[in-house]
Protein backbone atom coordinates (compact mmCIF):
# COMPACT_ATOMS: atom_id res chain seq x y z
CA MET A 1 52.66 11.09 6.81
CA GLY A 2 51.40 10.76 3.12
CA TYR A 3 51.32 7.56 3.70
CA ARG A 4 49.17 7.19 6.79
CA ARG A 5 46.45 9.65 5.45
CA ALA A 6 46.29 7.93 2.32
CA MET A 7 45.33 4.67 4.77
CA SER A 8 43.18 6.78 6.55
CA ASP A 9 41.22 8.13 3.78
CA ASP A 10 41.12 4.42 2.34
CA LEU A 11 39.92 3.13 5.42
CA HIS A 12 37.13 5.80 5.69
CA ASP A 13 36.13 5.03 1.89
CA ALA A 14 35.53 1.61 2.42
CA GLU A 15 33.49 1.92 6.00
CA ARG A 16 31.87 4.55 3.60
CA TRP A 17 31.23 2.06 1.08
CA ILE A 18 30.02 -0.54 3.93
CA ASP A 19 27.55 1.90 5.15
CA LEU A 20 25.76 2.38 1.72
CA ASP A 21 26.07 -1.60 1.04
CA VAL A 22 24.08 -1.85 4.53
CA LYS A 23 21.54 0.93 3.51
CA LEU A 24 21.17 -0.45 0.21
CA ALA A 25 20.29 -4.00 1.46
CA TYR A 26 17.73 -2.66 3.92
CA GLN A 27 16.09 -0.32 1.39
CA GLU A 28 15.96 -3.55 -1.12
CA ARG A 29 13.93 -5.29 1.69
CA LEU A 30 11.49 -2.81 2.60
CA ILE A 31 10.79 -2.16 -1.15
CA HIS A 32 10.25 -6.38 -1.36
CA ASP A 33 8.24 -6.15 2.24
CA LEU A 34 6.05 -3.14 0.72
CA ASP A 35 5.49 -4.34 -2.62
CA THR A 36 4.33 -7.89 -1.12
CA LEU A 37 2.01 -5.56 1.15
CA VAL A 38 0.54 -3.81 -1.82
CA ARG A 39 -0.15 -6.71 -3.61
CA GLU A 40 -2.02 -8.20 -0.63
CA PHE A 41 -3.92 -4.85 -0.40
CA ALA A 42 -4.99 -5.36 -4.37
CA THR A 43 -6.05 -8.52 -3.84
CA ARG A 44 -8.25 -7.53 -1.02
CA LEU A 45 -9.51 -4.98 -2.36
CA ASP A 46 -10.50 -6.75 -5.94
CA LYS A 47 -12.52 -9.12 -3.59
CA ALA A 48 -14.11 -6.26 -1.26
CA GLU A 49 -15.52 -4.90 -4.92
CA ARG A 50 -16.93 -8.34 -5.96
CA GLU A 51 -18.73 -8.79 -3.07
CA LEU A 52 -20.08 -5.29 -3.14
CA ALA A 53 -21.01 -5.90 -6.92
CA GLN A 54 -23.02 -9.17 -5.67
CA LEU A 55 -24.76 -7.38 -2.60
CA LYS A 56 -25.78 -5.06 -5.23
CA GLN A 57 -27.33 -7.08 -7.33
CA ALA A 58 -28.58 -8.74 -4.27
CA VAL A 59 -30.71 -6.33 -3.21
CA PRO A 60 -33.86 -5.08 -4.37
CA ALA A 61 -34.09 -1.84 -6.77
CA PRO A 62 -35.83 1.08 -4.50
CA LEU A 63 -39.16 1.71 -5.15
CA PRO A 64 -39.82 4.95 -6.94
CA LEU A 65 -41.12 7.88 -5.19
CA GLY A 66 -44.43 9.10 -6.20
CA ALA A 67 -48.25 9.20 -4.57
CA ALA A 68 -48.33 5.32 -4.29
CA ASN A 69 -45.40 5.55 -1.76
CA GLU A 70 -46.11 8.29 0.25
CA PRO A 71 -47.59 7.78 3.78
CA PRO A 72 -51.54 9.59 4.13
CA PRO A 73 -51.57 13.13 4.93
CA HIS A 74 -52.41 12.59 8.76
CA TYR A 75 -48.85 11.02 9.43
């Protein structure tokens, strides 16, 4: 009876190792995919920040507030 139990435990342990190996493979793939996604978003964010800086430079500075820029009192 002890021999059968030992074999059963060995099979159970082997199945657990296989399950852990499969889970590890999926996690490694997920980490790789997420890393790729983060890098793509970082590239897109850098591009968007450069474009925003270019737009800010292209837009003229706002005129200062004051009597020259206020509408006449009858408006």
